[in-house]
C-alpha atoms as a PDB file:
ATOM      1  CA  MET A   1      21.295  -8.645  -7.367  1.00  0.00           C
ATOM      2  CA  ARG A   2      24.779 -10.697  -7.727  1.00  0.00           C
ATOM      3  CA  LYS A   3      22.610 -13.460  -7.813  1.00  0.00           C
ATOM      4  CA  ILE A   4      20.990 -11.532 -10.617  1.00  0.00           C
ATOM      5  CA  TRP A   5      24.069 -10.375 -12.208  1.00  0.00           C
ATOM      6  CA  ALA A   6      25.459 -14.253 -11.912  1.00  0.00           C
ATOM      7  CA  TRP A   7      22.168 -15.637 -13.632  1.00  0.00           C
ATOM      8  CA  LEU A   8      22.882 -12.996 -16.980  1.00  0.00           C
ATOM      9  CA  TYR A   9      26.617 -13.655 -17.326  1.00  0.00           C
ATOM     10  CA  PHE A  10      25.663 -17.537 -17.171  1.00  0.00           C
ATOM     11  CA  GLU A  11      22.621 -16.948 -19.655  1.00  0.00           C
ATOM     12  CA  TRP A  12      25.061 -14.351 -21.931  1.00  0.00           C
ATOM     13  CA  GLN A  13      27.877 -17.060 -22.192  1.00  0.00           C
ATOM     14  CA  ILE A  14      25.099 -19.784 -23.325  1.00  0.00           C
ATOM     15  CA  TYR A  15      23.682 -17.416 -25.703  1.00  0.00           C
ATOM     16  CA  LYS A  16      27.509 -16.281 -26.871  1.00  0.00           C
ATOM     17  CA  VAL A  17      28.074 -19.796 -27.707  1.00  0.00           C
ATOM     18  CA  GLY A  18      25.578 -20.214 -30.217  1.00  0.00           C
ATOM     19  CA  ILE A  19      25.602 -17.169 -31.645  1.00  0.00           C
ATOM     20  CA  LYS A  20      29.511 -16.703 -32.287  1.00  0.00           C
ATOM     21  CA  PRO A  21      29.929 -18.840 -35.566  1.00  0.00           C
ATOM     22  CA  TYR A  22      26.968 -15.859 -37.038  1.00  0.00           C
ATOM     23  CA  LEU A  23      29.286 -13.095 -36.001  1.00  0.00           C
ATOM     24  CA  LYS A  24      31.958 -13.367 -38.248  1.00  0.00           C
ATOM     25  CA  PRO A  25      32.397 -10.756 -41.093  1.00  0.00           C
ATOM     26  CA  THR A  26      32.081 -13.403 -43.247  1.00  0.00           C
ATOM     27  CA  MET A  27      28.319 -13.782 -42.134  1.00  0.00           C
ATOM     28  CA  PHE A  28      27.739 -10.204 -42.745  1.00  0.00           C
ATOM     29  CA  ILE A  29      28.993 -10.152 -46.451  1.00  0.00           C
ATOM     30  CA  SER A  30      26.755 -12.943 -46.633  1.00  0.00           C
ATOM     31  CA  PHE A  31      23.638 -11.734 -45.488  1.00  0.00           C
ATOM     32  CA  PHE A  32      24.335  -8.096 -47.418  1.00  0.00           C
ATOM     33  CA  ILE A  33      24.004 -10.813 -50.923  1.00  0.00           C
ATOM     34  CA  ALA A  34      20.955 -12.443 -49.596  1.00  0.00           C
ATOM     35  CA  TRP A  35      19.451  -9.299 -48.657  1.00  0.00           C
ATOM     36  CA  MET A  36      20.203  -7.941 -51.983  1.00  0.00           C
ATOM     37  CA  ILE A  37      18.772 -10.899 -53.648  1.00  0.00           C
ATOM     38  CA  THR A  38      15.773 -11.056 -51.399  1.00  0.00           C
ATOM     39  CA  ASN A  39      14.876  -7.329 -51.025  1.00  0.00           C
ATOM     40  CA  GLY A  40      17.921  -4.973 -51.799  1.00  0.00           C
ATOM     41  CA  TRP A  41      17.182  -5.099 -55.501  1.00  0.00           C
ATOM     42  CA  ALA A  42      13.365  -3.263 -54.853  1.00  0.00           C
ATOM     43  CA  TYR A  43      14.549  -0.469 -52.870  1.00  0.00           C
ATOM     44  CA  LEU A  44      17.483  -0.407 -55.354  1.00  0.00           C
ATOM     45  CA  LEU A  45      14.900  -0.236 -58.330  1.00  0.00           C
ATOM     46  CA  ILE A  46      12.379   2.159 -56.630  1.00  0.00           C
ATOM     47  CA  ILE A  47      15.647   4.728 -56.354  1.00  0.00           C
ATOM     48  CA  ILE A  48      16.770   4.144 -60.035  1.00  0.00           C
ATOM     49  CA  GLY A  49      13.869   2.819 -61.686  1.00  0.00           C
ATOM     50  CA  SER A  50      11.583   4.682 -63.888  1.00  0.00           C
ATOM     51  CA  GLY A  51       7.930   3.254 -65.638  1.00  0.00           C
ATOM     52  CA  TRP A  52       6.886  -0.330 -64.658  1.00  0.00           C
ATOM     53  CA  ILE A  53       9.931  -1.968 -63.058  1.00  0.00           C
ATOM     54  CA  LYS A  54       9.444   0.840 -60.493  1.00  0.00           C
ATOM     55  CA  LYS A  55       6.163  -0.005 -60.084  1.00  0.00           C
ATOM     56  CA  VAL A  56       6.908  -3.616 -59.519  1.00  0.00           C
ATOM     57  CA  ALA A  57       9.427  -2.497 -56.875  1.00  0.00           C
ATOM     58  CA  ILE A  58       7.123  -0.753 -55.004  1.00  0.00           C
ATOM     59  CA  ALA A  59       4.459  -3.161 -54.881  1.00  0.00           C
ATOM     60  CA  TYR A  60       7.252  -5.794 -53.705  1.00  0.00           C
ATOM     61  CA  ALA A  61       8.535  -3.249 -51.049  1.00  0.00           C
ATOM     62  CA  THR A  62       4.501  -2.606 -50.097  1.00  0.00           C
ATOM     63  CA  LEU A  63       4.723  -6.679 -49.678  1.00  0.00           C
ATOM     64  CA  LEU A  64       7.817  -6.925 -47.375  1.00  0.00           C
ATOM     65  CA  TRP A  65       6.410  -4.330 -45.054  1.00  0.00           C
ATOM     66  CA  MET A  66       3.080  -5.879 -44.651  1.00  0.00           C
ATOM     67  CA  PRO A  67       3.054  -7.438 -40.868  1.00  0.00           C
ATOM     68  CA  PHE A  68       2.645 -11.030 -42.099  1.00  0.00           C
ATOM     69  CA  SER A  69       6.012 -10.781 -44.351  1.00  0.00           C
ATOM     70  CA  PRO A  70       8.433 -13.848 -43.551  1.00  0.00           C
ATOM     71  CA  GLU A  71      11.264 -11.674 -44.976  1.00  0.00           C
ATOM     72  CA  LYS A  72      13.603 -13.100 -42.553  1.00  0.00           C
ATOM     73  CA  LEU A  73      12.301 -16.359 -42.491  1.00  0.00           C
ATOM     74  CA  ILE A  74      13.989 -16.657 -46.051  1.00  0.00           C
ATOM     75  CA  THR A  75      16.939 -14.402 -46.579  1.00  0.00           C
ATOM     76  CA  ILE A  76      18.580 -15.876 -43.141  1.00  0.00           C
ATOM     77  CA  PRO A  77      19.016 -19.556 -44.442  1.00  0.00           C
ATOM     78  CA  ILE A  78      19.918 -17.892 -47.800  1.00  0.00           C
ATOM     79  CA  ALA A  79      22.776 -16.395 -45.855  1.00  0.00           C
ATOM     80  CA  ILE A  80      23.978 -19.132 -44.178  1.00  0.00           C
ATOM     81  CA  TRP A  81      23.857 -21.100 -47.593  1.00  0.00           C
ATOM     82  CA  ILE A  82      25.720 -18.662 -49.066  1.00  0.00           C
ATOM     83  CA  GLN A  83      28.564 -18.361 -46.785  1.00  0.00           C
ATOM     84  CA  LYS A  84      28.628 -22.142 -46.721  1.00  0.00           C
ATOM     85  CA  ILE A  85      29.570 -21.519 -50.426  1.00  0.00           C
ATOM     86  CA  LEU A  86      31.482 -18.787 -50.172  1.00  0.00           C
ATOM     87  CA  PHE A  87      33.659 -19.061 -47.151  1.00  0.00           C
ATOM     88  CA  ILE A  88      33.725 -22.528 -45.878  1.00  0.00           C
ATOM     89  CA  ARG A  89      36.304 -24.790 -47.061  1.00  0.00           C
ATOM     90  CA  ARG A  90      35.904 -28.337 -46.316  1.00  0.00           C
ATOM     91  CA  LYS A  91      38.779 -31.072 -46.729  1.00  0.00           C
ATOM     92  CA  LYS A  92      38.158 -33.874 -48.991  1.00  0.00           C
END
């Protein structure tokens, strides 16, 4: 049992080093902005929209709920790009 816990702890340490840069508050802000660009507008327009714009939003949200929808493959790189633009300052 101790061997399993030691192995799990070791795996967690490796995983933590790889994921730590993405667990900052700036990433959550960037992900929210990217999510609003890719998906959030549809949910917002479903709630407050009317007429043809609501129908467009419902159609887009329907595509998002399809099993083959690659929304995260688009949203996460946009969030990383937004984080680099807004929060990462490089020395010149």
